[in-house]
Amino acid sequence: GLVLGFRDIYKTHGFVDALFEKGSWMTVLVGGFIFAYAFLVDSASELLMPGAAITGVGVVMVMVLLAHYEKMGVIGIPLGVLESLGMLPKVVSYVRLFAVGVVGVKIAATGNEMIYEGMAHTLSDLGHASTFDIVLLPILFVGWLLVQLFALVLGVFSPNIHTVRLHFVEWMMQFYEGSGLPFEAFGFKPNKVEVE
Protein backbone atom coordinates (compact mmCIF):
# COMPACT_ATOMS: atom_id res chain seq x y z
CA GLY A 1 0.00 0.00 0.00
CA LEU A 2 2.82 2.40 0.79
CA VAL A 3 4.46 1.83 -2.59
CA LEU A 4 1.20 2.58 -4.40
CA GLY A 5 0.70 5.65 -2.24
CA PHE A 6 4.26 6.78 -3.00
CA ARG A 7 3.60 6.40 -6.71
CA ASP A 8 0.32 8.36 -6.52
CA ILE A 9 1.84 11.23 -4.53
CA TYR A 10 4.91 11.28 -6.78
CA LYS A 11 2.67 11.69 -9.83
CA THR A 12 0.54 14.45 -8.30
CA HIS A 13 2.90 16.36 -5.97
CA GLY A 14 6.47 15.35 -6.80
CA PHE A 15 9.29 13.29 -5.34
CA VAL A 16 9.96 15.29 -2.16
CA ASP A 17 6.33 15.12 -1.02
CA ALA A 18 6.20 11.39 -1.81
CA LEU A 19 9.48 10.84 0.03
CA PHE A 20 8.20 12.43 3.23
CA GLU A 21 4.57 11.26 3.09
CA LYS A 22 5.15 7.61 2.20
CA GLY A 23 8.92 7.13 2.04
CA SER A 24 9.22 8.03 5.71
CA TRP A 25 6.90 5.18 6.66
CA MET A 26 8.73 2.77 4.36
CA THR A 27 12.01 3.79 6.00
CA VAL A 28 10.56 3.15 9.48
CA LEU A 29 9.31 -0.28 8.37
CA VAL A 30 12.56 -1.35 6.69
CA GLY A 31 14.69 -0.12 9.58
CA GLY A 32 12.36 -1.72 12.11
CA PHE A 33 12.51 -5.03 10.26
CA ILE A 34 16.31 -4.99 10.13
CA PHE A 35 16.47 -4.05 13.82
CA ALA A 36 13.99 -6.77 14.86
CA TYR A 37 15.72 -9.39 12.71
CA ALA A 38 19.11 -8.53 14.19
CA PHE A 39 17.62 -8.61 17.69
CA LEU A 40 16.06 -12.04 17.21
CA VAL A 41 18.77 -13.82 15.20
CA ASP A 42 22.17 -14.15 16.89
CA SER A 43 24.12 -14.44 13.64
CA ALA A 44 22.75 -11.08 12.44
CA SER A 45 23.62 -9.03 15.53
CA GLU A 46 25.89 -6.74 13.49
CA LEU A 47 22.75 -5.38 11.79
CA LEU A 48 21.32 -4.08 15.08
CA MET A 49 22.83 -0.59 14.92
CA PRO A 50 22.21 -0.04 11.18
CA GLY A 51 18.59 -1.10 11.70
CA ALA A 52 18.24 1.32 14.60
CA ALA A 53 19.85 4.10 12.53
CA ILE A 54 17.52 3.53 9.56
CA THR A 55 14.54 3.50 11.91
CA GLY A 56 15.78 6.74 13.49
CA VAL A 57 16.06 8.39 10.07
CA GLY A 58 12.51 7.26 9.31
CA VAL A 59 11.21 8.68 12.60
CA VAL A 60 12.91 12.02 11.88
CA MET A 61 11.30 11.99 8.43
CA VAL A 62 7.89 11.40 10.05
CA MET A 63 8.58 14.34 12.39
CA VAL A 64 9.36 16.56 9.39
CA LEU A 65 6.26 15.25 7.63
CA LEU A 66 3.99 16.17 10.52
CA ALA A 67 5.68 19.45 11.41
CA HIS A 68 6.15 20.83 7.90
CA TYR A 69 3.90 19.04 5.40
CA GLU A 70 0.92 18.45 7.69
CA LYS A 71 1.36 21.98 9.11
CA MET A 72 1.39 20.89 12.76
CA GLY A 73 4.40 22.98 13.68
CA VAL A 74 6.42 22.11 16.77
CA ILE A 75 3.77 19.67 18.04
CA GLY A 76 4.55 17.47 15.02
CA ILE A 77 7.93 16.56 16.50
CA PRO A 78 6.70 14.53 19.51
CA LEU A 79 3.74 13.31 17.48
CA GLY A 80 6.20 11.91 14.92
CA VAL A 81 7.55 9.51 17.52
CA LEU A 82 4.04 8.45 18.56
CA GLU A 83 2.88 8.05 14.97
CA SER A 84 5.94 5.93 14.19
CA LEU A 85 5.03 3.60 17.04
CA GLY A 86 1.50 3.50 15.58
CA MET A 87 2.86 1.49 12.64
CA LEU A 88 3.62 -1.46 14.93
CA PRO A 89 -0.01 -2.64 15.41
CA LYS A 90 -0.52 -2.64 11.65
CA VAL A 91 2.47 -4.90 11.14
CA VAL A 92 1.51 -7.15 14.04
CA SER A 93 -1.96 -7.56 12.50
CA TYR A 94 -0.36 -9.46 9.64
CA VAL A 95 1.39 -11.76 12.12
CA ARG A 96 -2.10 -12.95 13.06
CA LEU A 97 -2.26 -14.76 9.69
CA PHE A 98 0.77 -16.78 10.71
CA ALA A 99 -0.81 -17.54 14.09
CA VAL A 100 -4.05 -18.76 12.49
CA GLY A 101 -2.05 -21.14 10.29
CA VAL A 102 -0.12 -22.47 13.27
CA VAL A 103 -3.35 -23.02 15.21
CA GLY A 104 -4.83 -25.11 12.38
CA VAL A 105 -1.73 -27.29 12.24
CA LYS A 106 -1.61 -27.69 16.03
CA ILE A 107 -5.29 -28.71 16.15
CA ALA A 108 -4.64 -31.39 13.53
CA ALA A 109 -1.50 -32.57 15.35
CA THR A 110 -3.35 -32.72 18.66
CA GLY A 111 -6.11 -34.77 17.02
CA ASN A 112 -3.47 -37.13 15.68
CA GLU A 113 -1.76 -37.49 19.05
CA MET A 114 -4.89 -37.87 21.17
CA ILE A 115 -7.23 -39.83 18.90
CA TYR A 116 -5.36 -41.42 16.00
CA GLU A 117 -2.54 -42.88 18.07
CA GLY A 118 -5.08 -44.54 20.38
CA MET A 119 -6.86 -46.05 17.39
CA ALA A 120 -3.59 -47.21 15.85
CA HIS A 121 -2.53 -48.83 19.11
CA THR A 122 -5.85 -50.68 19.40
CA LEU A 123 -5.72 -51.81 15.76
CA SER A 124 -2.12 -53.00 16.05
CA ASP A 125 -3.04 -55.25 18.98
CA LEU A 126 -6.61 -56.14 17.98
CA GLY A 127 -6.32 -59.67 19.39
CA HIS A 128 -5.88 -58.32 22.92
CA ALA A 129 -8.40 -55.47 22.58
CA SER A 130 -11.47 -55.48 24.79
CA THR A 131 -15.02 -55.31 23.44
CA PHE A 132 -15.20 -51.71 24.65
CA ASP A 133 -12.09 -50.84 22.62
CA ILE A 134 -13.55 -52.40 19.47
CA VAL A 135 -16.89 -50.58 19.95
CA LEU A 136 -14.99 -47.35 20.57
CA LEU A 137 -12.95 -47.61 17.33
CA PRO A 138 -15.64 -46.23 14.93
CA ILE A 139 -16.48 -43.43 17.37
CA LEU A 140 -12.82 -42.46 17.64
CA PHE A 141 -12.45 -42.61 13.86
CA VAL A 142 -15.41 -40.26 13.34
CA GLY A 143 -14.05 -37.94 16.04
CA TRP A 144 -10.62 -37.94 14.40
CA LEU A 145 -12.16 -37.17 11.00
CA LEU A 146 -14.16 -34.27 12.51
CA VAL A 147 -11.05 -32.80 14.13
CA GLN A 148 -9.11 -33.06 10.86
CA LEU A 149 -12.02 -31.53 8.92
CA PHE A 150 -12.24 -28.66 11.41
CA ALA A 151 -8.50 -28.03 11.11
CA LEU A 152 -8.75 -28.10 7.31
CA VAL A 153 -11.67 -25.65 7.24
CA LEU A 154 -9.89 -23.38 9.71
CA GLY A 155 -6.70 -23.54 7.65
CA VAL A 156 -8.47 -22.80 4.36
CA PHE A 157 -11.03 -20.15 5.25
CA SER A 158 -9.76 -18.26 8.28
CA PRO A 159 -6.55 -16.87 6.72
CA ASN A 160 -8.53 -15.75 3.68
CA ILE A 161 -11.05 -13.90 5.82
CA HIS A 162 -8.30 -12.25 7.86
CA THR A 163 -6.37 -11.35 4.70
CA VAL A 164 -9.36 -9.63 3.13
CA ARG A 165 -10.03 -7.71 6.33
CA LEU A 166 -6.40 -6.67 6.63
CA HIS A 167 -6.25 -5.53 3.01
CA PHE A 168 -9.28 -3.31 3.40
CA VAL A 169 -8.51 -2.03 6.90
CA GLU A 170 -4.72 -1.84 7.10
CA TRP A 171 -3.30 -1.98 3.58
CA MET A 172 -5.70 0.28 1.70
CA MET A 173 -5.51 2.87 4.49
CA GLN A 174 -1.90 3.49 3.46
CA PHE A 175 -2.83 5.04 0.13
CA TYR A 176 -6.60 5.16 -0.45
CA GLU A 177 -8.30 8.48 0.10
CA GLY A 178 -12.06 8.40 -0.14
CA SER A 179 -13.49 11.05 -2.39
CA GLY A 180 -16.33 11.47 -4.82
CA LEU A 181 -20.06 11.76 -4.31
CA PRO A 182 -21.67 10.94 -0.98
CA PHE A 183 -23.66 7.72 -0.98
CA GLU A 184 -27.42 8.00 -1.23
CA ALA A 185 -29.50 4.96 -0.40
CA PHE A 186 -31.25 3.18 -3.24
CA GLY A 187 -35.01 3.24 -3.49
CA PHE A 188 -37.68 5.82 -2.96
CA LYS A 189 -37.48 8.66 -0.48
CA PRO A 190 -40.48 8.76 1.86
CA ASN A 191 -42.62 11.87 1.66
CA LYS A 192 -43.80 11.55 5.25
CA VAL A 193 -42.03 10.08 8.24
CA GLU A 194 -43.98 9.12 11.34
CA VAL A 195 -42.20 9.24 14.66
CA GLU A 196 -43.66 7.94 17.90
C-alpha atoms as a PDB file:
ATOM      1  CA  GLY A   1       0.000   0.000   0.000  1.00  0.00           C
ATOM      2  CA  LEU A   2       2.819   2.402   0.793  1.00  0.00           C
ATOM      3  CA  VAL A   3       4.460   1.825  -2.587  1.00  0.00           C
ATOM      4  CA  LEU A   4       1.199   2.578  -4.402  1.00  0.00           C
ATOM      5  CA  GLY A   5       0.696   5.653  -2.237  1.00  0.00           C
ATOM      6  CA  PHE A   6       4.262   6.775  -2.998  1.00  0.00           C
ATOM      7  CA  ARG A   7       3.596   6.403  -6.713  1.00  0.00           C
ATOM      8  CA  ASP A   8       0.323   8.364  -6.519  1.00  0.00           C
ATOM      9  CA  ILE A   9       1.843  11.230  -4.526  1.00  0.00           C
ATOM     10  CA  TYR A  10       4.911  11.276  -6.785  1.00  0.00           C
ATOM     11  CA  LYS A  11       2.667  11.689  -9.834  1.00  0.00           C
ATOM     12  CA  THR A  12       0.543  14.450  -8.302  1.00  0.00           C
ATOM     13  CA  HIS A  13       2.897  16.357  -5.967  1.00  0.00           C
ATOM     14  CA  GLY A  14       6.470  15.349  -6.803  1.00  0.00           C
ATOM     15  CA  PHE A  15       9.290  13.293  -5.340  1.00  0.00           C
ATOM     16  CA  VAL A  16       9.959  15.287  -2.160  1.00  0.00           C
ATOM     17  CA  ASP A  17       6.327  15.115  -1.019  1.00  0.00           C
ATOM     18  CA  ALA A  18       6.196  11.393  -1.811  1.00  0.00           C
ATOM     19  CA  LEU A  19       9.475  10.842   0.030  1.00  0.00           C
ATOM     20  CA  PHE A  20       8.201  12.427   3.228  1.00  0.00           C
ATOM     21  CA  GLU A  21       4.570  11.264   3.086  1.00  0.00           C
ATOM     22  CA  LYS A  22       5.148   7.607   2.204  1.00  0.00           C
ATOM     23  CA  GLY A  23       8.916   7.129   2.037  1.00  0.00           C
ATOM     24  CA  SER A  24       9.223   8.029   5.709  1.00  0.00           C
ATOM     25  CA  TRP A  25       6.895   5.179   6.661  1.00  0.00           C
ATOM     26  CA  MET A  26       8.733   2.769   4.356  1.00  0.00           C
ATOM     27  CA  THR A  27      12.009   3.793   6.004  1.00  0.00           C
ATOM     28  CA  VAL A  28      10.556   3.155   9.476  1.00  0.00           C
ATOM     29  CA  LEU A  29       9.312  -0.277   8.369  1.00  0.00           C
ATOM     30  CA  VAL A  30      12.561  -1.348   6.689  1.00  0.00           C
ATOM     31  CA  GLY A  31      14.690  -0.115   9.584  1.00  0.00           C
ATOM     32  CA  GLY A  32      12.360  -1.716  12.114  1.00  0.00           C
ATOM     33  CA  PHE A  33      12.508  -5.025  10.261  1.00  0.00           C
ATOM     34  CA  ILE A  34      16.308  -4.985  10.132  1.00  0.00           C
ATOM     35  CA  PHE A  35      16.468  -4.053  13.823  1.00  0.00           C
ATOM     36  CA  ALA A  36      13.991  -6.765  14.864  1.00  0.00           C
ATOM     37  CA  TYR A  37      15.720  -9.387  12.714  1.00  0.00           C
ATOM     38  CA  ALA A  38      19.108  -8.534  14.190  1.00  0.00           C
ATOM     39  CA  PHE A  39      17.623  -8.609  17.686  1.00  0.00           C
ATOM     40  CA  LEU A  40      16.057 -12.043  17.211  1.00  0.00           C
ATOM     41  CA  VAL A  41      18.773 -13.822  15.199  1.00  0.00           C
ATOM     42  CA  ASP A  42      22.166 -14.152  16.891  1.00  0.00           C
ATOM     43  CA  SER A  43      24.116 -14.444  13.641  1.00  0.00           C
ATOM     44  CA  ALA A  44      22.750 -11.079  12.436  1.00  0.00           C
ATOM     45  CA  SER A  45      23.618  -9.033  15.532  1.00  0.00           C
ATOM     46  CA  GLU A  46      25.895  -6.742  13.490  1.00  0.00           C
ATOM     47  CA  LEU A  47      22.749  -5.381  11.789  1.00  0.00           C
ATOM     48  CA  LEU A  48      21.319  -4.084  15.080  1.00  0.00           C
ATOM     49  CA  MET A  49      22.831  -0.595  14.916  1.00  0.00           C
ATOM     50  CA  PRO A  50      22.212  -0.044  11.176  1.00  0.00           C
ATOM     51  CA  GLY A  51      18.590  -1.100  11.703  1.00  0.00           C
ATOM     52  CA  ALA A  52      18.236   1.318  14.602  1.00  0.00           C
ATOM     53  CA  ALA A  53      19.847   4.101  12.532  1.00  0.00           C
ATOM     54  CA  ILE A  54      17.523   3.528   9.560  1.00  0.00           C
ATOM     55  CA  THR A  55      14.537   3.502  11.907  1.00  0.00           C
ATOM     56  CA  GLY A  56      15.779   6.738  13.491  1.00  0.00           C
ATOM     57  CA  VAL A  57      16.061   8.386  10.074  1.00  0.00           C
ATOM     58  CA  GLY A  58      12.510   7.260   9.314  1.00  0.00           C
ATOM     59  CA  VAL A  59      11.207   8.680  12.598  1.00  0.00           C
ATOM     60  CA  VAL A  60      12.914  12.024  11.879  1.00  0.00           C
ATOM     61  CA  MET A  61      11.303  11.993   8.426  1.00  0.00           C
ATOM     62  CA  VAL A  62       7.895  11.401  10.051  1.00  0.00           C
ATOM     63  CA  MET A  63       8.582  14.339  12.388  1.00  0.00           C
ATOM     64  CA  VAL A  64       9.362  16.559   9.387  1.00  0.00           C
ATOM     65  CA  LEU A  65       6.259  15.248   7.626  1.00  0.00           C
ATOM     66  CA  LEU A  66       3.989  16.166  10.520  1.00  0.00           C
ATOM     67  CA  ALA A  67       5.680  19.450  11.415  1.00  0.00           C
ATOM     68  CA  HIS A  68       6.148  20.826   7.897  1.00  0.00           C
ATOM     69  CA  TYR A  69       3.899  19.040   5.399  1.00  0.00           C
ATOM     70  CA  GLU A  70       0.918  18.448   7.691  1.00  0.00           C
ATOM     71  CA  LYS A  71       1.358  21.984   9.110  1.00  0.00           C
ATOM     72  CA  MET A  72       1.395  20.889  12.756  1.00  0.00           C
ATOM     73  CA  GLY A  73       4.396  22.977  13.680  1.00  0.00           C
ATOM     74  CA  VAL A  74       6.415  22.106  16.766  1.00  0.00           C
ATOM     75  CA  ILE A  75       3.774  19.668  18.043  1.00  0.00           C
ATOM     76  CA  GLY A  76       4.552  17.469  15.020  1.00  0.00           C
ATOM     77  CA  ILE A  77       7.935  16.560  16.502  1.00  0.00           C
ATOM     78  CA  PRO A  78       6.696  14.532  19.514  1.00  0.00           C
ATOM     79  CA  LEU A  79       3.744  13.306  17.478  1.00  0.00           C
ATOM     80  CA  GLY A  80       6.198  11.909  14.924  1.00  0.00           C
ATOM     81  CA  VAL A  81       7.552   9.514  17.525  1.00  0.00           C
ATOM     82  CA  LEU A  82       4.045   8.453  18.563  1.00  0.00           C
ATOM     83  CA  GLU A  83       2.879   8.051  14.969  1.00  0.00           C
ATOM     84  CA  SER A  84       5.937   5.932  14.187  1.00  0.00           C
ATOM     85  CA  LEU A  85       5.025   3.596  17.036  1.00  0.00           C
ATOM     86  CA  GLY A  86       1.501   3.500  15.579  1.00  0.00           C
ATOM     87  CA  MET A  87       2.858   1.494  12.637  1.00  0.00           C
ATOM     88  CA  LEU A  88       3.620  -1.457  14.929  1.00  0.00           C
ATOM     89  CA  PRO A  89      -0.006  -2.640  15.414  1.00  0.00           C
ATOM     90  CA  LYS A  90      -0.523  -2.637  11.654  1.00  0.00           C
ATOM     91  CA  VAL A  91       2.471  -4.895  11.139  1.00  0.00           C
ATOM     92  CA  VAL A  92       1.512  -7.154  14.037  1.00  0.00           C
ATOM     93  CA  SER A  93      -1.956  -7.565  12.497  1.00  0.00           C
ATOM     94  CA  TYR A  94      -0.359  -9.464   9.640  1.00  0.00           C
ATOM     95  CA  VAL A  95       1.391 -11.763  12.120  1.00  0.00           C
ATOM     96  CA  ARG A  96      -2.100 -12.946  13.056  1.00  0.00           C
ATOM     97  CA  LEU A  97      -2.259 -14.757   9.694  1.00  0.00           C
ATOM     98  CA  PHE A  98       0.771 -16.782  10.713  1.00  0.00           C
ATOM     99  CA  ALA A  99      -0.812 -17.539  14.091  1.00  0.00           C
ATOM    100  CA  VAL A 100      -4.046 -18.764  12.491  1.00  0.00           C
ATOM    101  CA  GLY A 101      -2.050 -21.139  10.290  1.00  0.00           C
ATOM    102  CA  VAL A 102      -0.120 -22.470  13.267  1.00  0.00           C
ATOM    103  CA  VAL A 103      -3.352 -23.017  15.206  1.00  0.00           C
ATOM    104  CA  GLY A 104      -4.826 -25.112  12.382  1.00  0.00           C
ATOM    105  CA  VAL A 105      -1.726 -27.294  12.244  1.00  0.00           C
ATOM    106  CA  LYS A 106      -1.607 -27.686  16.035  1.00  0.00           C
ATOM    107  CA  ILE A 107      -5.290 -28.707  16.155  1.00  0.00           C
ATOM    108  CA  ALA A 108      -4.637 -31.391  13.529  1.00  0.00           C
ATOM    109  CA  ALA A 109      -1.497 -32.566  15.347  1.00  0.00           C
ATOM    110  CA  THR A 110      -3.350 -32.719  18.661  1.00  0.00           C
ATOM    111  CA  GLY A 111      -6.105 -34.774  17.022  1.00  0.00           C
ATOM    112  CA  ASN A 112      -3.468 -37.133  15.676  1.00  0.00           C
ATOM    113  CA  GLU A 113      -1.761 -37.492  19.052  1.00  0.00           C
ATOM    114  CA  MET A 114      -4.887 -37.874  21.170  1.00  0.00           C
ATOM    115  CA  ILE A 115      -7.227 -39.829  18.898  1.00  0.00           C
ATOM    116  CA  TYR A 116      -5.361 -41.419  16.001  1.00  0.00           C
ATOM    117  CA  GLU A 117      -2.536 -42.883  18.073  1.00  0.00           C
ATOM    118  CA  GLY A 118      -5.079 -44.543  20.379  1.00  0.00           C
ATOM    119  CA  MET A 119      -6.858 -46.045  17.388  1.00  0.00           C
ATOM    120  CA  ALA A 120      -3.586 -47.211  15.845  1.00  0.00           C
ATOM    121  CA  HIS A 121      -2.528 -48.829  19.114  1.00  0.00           C
ATOM    122  CA  THR A 122      -5.850 -50.677  19.400  1.00  0.00           C
ATOM    123  CA  LEU A 123      -5.724 -51.810  15.762  1.00  0.00           C
ATOM    124  CA  SER A 124      -2.118 -53.003  16.046  1.00  0.00           C
ATOM    125  CA  ASP A 125      -3.045 -55.253  18.978  1.00  0.00           C
ATOM    126  CA  LEU A 126      -6.609 -56.144  17.978  1.00  0.00           C
ATOM    127  CA  GLY A 127      -6.323 -59.670  19.387  1.00  0.00           C
ATOM    128  CA  HIS A 128      -5.875 -58.316  22.923  1.00  0.00           C
ATOM    129  CA  ALA A 129      -8.400 -55.468  22.582  1.00  0.00           C
ATOM    130  CA  SER A 130     -11.474 -55.481  24.791  1.00  0.00           C
ATOM    131  CA  THR A 131     -15.020 -55.309  23.443  1.00  0.00           C
ATOM    132  CA  PHE A 132     -15.204 -51.713  24.649  1.00  0.00           C
ATOM    133  CA  ASP A 133     -12.088 -50.843  22.622  1.00  0.00           C
ATOM    134  CA  ILE A 134     -13.553 -52.397  19.472  1.00  0.00           C
ATOM    135  CA  VAL A 135     -16.887 -50.579  19.950  1.00  0.00           C
ATOM    136  CA  LEU A 136     -14.993 -47.345  20.572  1.00  0.00           C
ATOM    137  CA  LEU A 137     -12.950 -47.608  17.332  1.00  0.00           C
ATOM    138  CA  PRO A 138     -15.637 -46.233  14.931  1.00  0.00           C
ATOM    139  CA  ILE A 139     -16.480 -43.428  17.368  1.00  0.00           C
ATOM    140  CA  LEU A 140     -12.819 -42.456  17.640  1.00  0.00           C
ATOM    141  CA  PHE A 141     -12.453 -42.613  13.863  1.00  0.00           C
ATOM    142  CA  VAL A 142     -15.409 -40.259  13.342  1.00  0.00           C
ATOM    143  CA  GLY A 143     -14.045 -37.937  16.040  1.00  0.00           C
ATOM    144  CA  TRP A 144     -10.619 -37.942  14.398  1.00  0.00           C
ATOM    145  CA  LEU A 145     -12.165 -37.165  11.000  1.00  0.00           C
ATOM    146  CA  LEU A 146     -14.157 -34.272  12.509  1.00  0.00           C
ATOM    147  CA  VAL A 147     -11.045 -32.800  14.134  1.00  0.00           C
ATOM    148  CA  GLN A 148      -9.113 -33.060  10.856  1.00  0.00           C
ATOM    149  CA  LEU A 149     -12.021 -31.534   8.917  1.00  0.00           C
ATOM    150  CA  PHE A 150     -12.239 -28.660  11.408  1.00  0.00           C
ATOM    151  CA  ALA A 151      -8.495 -28.025  11.114  1.00  0.00           C
ATOM    152  CA  LEU A 152      -8.755 -28.105   7.313  1.00  0.00           C
ATOM    153  CA  VAL A 153     -11.675 -25.649   7.244  1.00  0.00           C
ATOM    154  CA  LEU A 154      -9.886 -23.380   9.705  1.00  0.00           C
ATOM    155  CA  GLY A 155      -6.698 -23.535   7.646  1.00  0.00           C
ATOM    156  CA  VAL A 156      -8.470 -22.799   4.363  1.00  0.00           C
ATOM    157  CA  PHE A 157     -11.028 -20.152   5.251  1.00  0.00           C
ATOM    158  CA  SER A 158      -9.759 -18.264   8.279  1.00  0.00           C
ATOM    159  CA  PRO A 159      -6.551 -16.872   6.722  1.00  0.00           C
ATOM    160  CA  ASN A 160      -8.532 -15.752   3.680  1.00  0.00           C
ATOM    161  CA  ILE A 161     -11.053 -13.903   5.817  1.00  0.00           C
ATOM    162  CA  HIS A 162      -8.297 -12.247   7.858  1.00  0.00           C
ATOM    163  CA  THR A 163      -6.372 -11.350   4.701  1.00  0.00           C
ATOM    164  CA  VAL A 164      -9.361  -9.626   3.125  1.00  0.00           C
ATOM    165  CA  ARG A 165     -10.027  -7.711   6.330  1.00  0.00           C
ATOM    166  CA  LEU A 166      -6.399  -6.665   6.626  1.00  0.00           C
ATOM    167  CA  HIS A 167      -6.253  -5.529   3.009  1.00  0.00           C
ATOM    168  CA  PHE A 168      -9.276  -3.306   3.400  1.00  0.00           C
ATOM    169  CA  VAL A 169      -8.514  -2.029   6.901  1.00  0.00           C
ATOM    170  CA  GLU A 170      -4.723  -1.838   7.098  1.00  0.00           C
ATOM    171  CA  TRP A 171      -3.301  -1.985   3.581  1.00  0.00           C
ATOM    172  CA  MET A 172      -5.699   0.285   1.704  1.00  0.00           C
ATOM    173  CA  MET A 173      -5.509   2.867   4.486  1.00  0.00           C
ATOM    174  CA  GLN A 174      -1.896   3.495   3.457  1.00  0.00           C
ATOM    175  CA  PHE A 175      -2.833   5.045   0.126  1.00  0.00           C
ATOM    176  CA  TYR A 176      -6.595   5.159  -0.445  1.00  0.00           C
ATOM    177  CA  GLU A 177      -8.302   8.484   0.098  1.00  0.00           C
ATOM    178  CA  GLY A 178     -12.058   8.398  -0.140  1.00  0.00           C
ATOM    179  CA  SER A 179     -13.494  11.055  -2.394  1.00  0.00           C
ATOM    180  CA  GLY A 180     -16.332  11.473  -4.815  1.00  0.00           C
ATOM    181  CA  LEU A 181     -20.056  11.755  -4.306  1.00  0.00           C
ATOM    182  CA  PRO A 182     -21.670  10.945  -0.976  1.00  0.00           C
ATOM    183  CA  PHE A 183     -23.664   7.724  -0.978  1.00  0.00           C
ATOM    184  CA  GLU A 184     -27.424   7.997  -1.227  1.00  0.00           C
ATOM    185  CA  ALA A 185     -29.504   4.961  -0.397  1.00  0.00           C
ATOM    186  CA  PHE A 186     -31.248   3.181  -3.242  1.00  0.00           C
ATOM    187  CA  GLY A 187     -35.015   3.244  -3.487  1.00  0.00           C
ATOM    188  CA  PHE A 188     -37.682   5.816  -2.956  1.00  0.00           C
ATOM    189  CA  LYS A 189     -37.480   8.661  -0.476  1.00  0.00           C
ATOM    190  CA  PRO A 190     -40.482   8.761   1.856  1.00  0.00           C
ATOM    191  CA  ASN A 191     -42.618  11.873   1.657  1.00  0.00           C
ATOM    192  CA  LYS A 192     -43.798  11.550   5.248  1.00  0.00           C
ATOM    193  CA  VAL A 193     -42.028  10.083   8.236  1.00  0.00           C
ATOM    194  CA  GLU A 194     -43.978   9.123  11.340  1.00  0.00           C
ATOM    195  CA  VAL A 195     -42.197   9.238  14.660  1.00  0.00           C
ATOM    196  CA  GLU A 196     -43.659   7.935  17.895  1.00  0.00           C
END
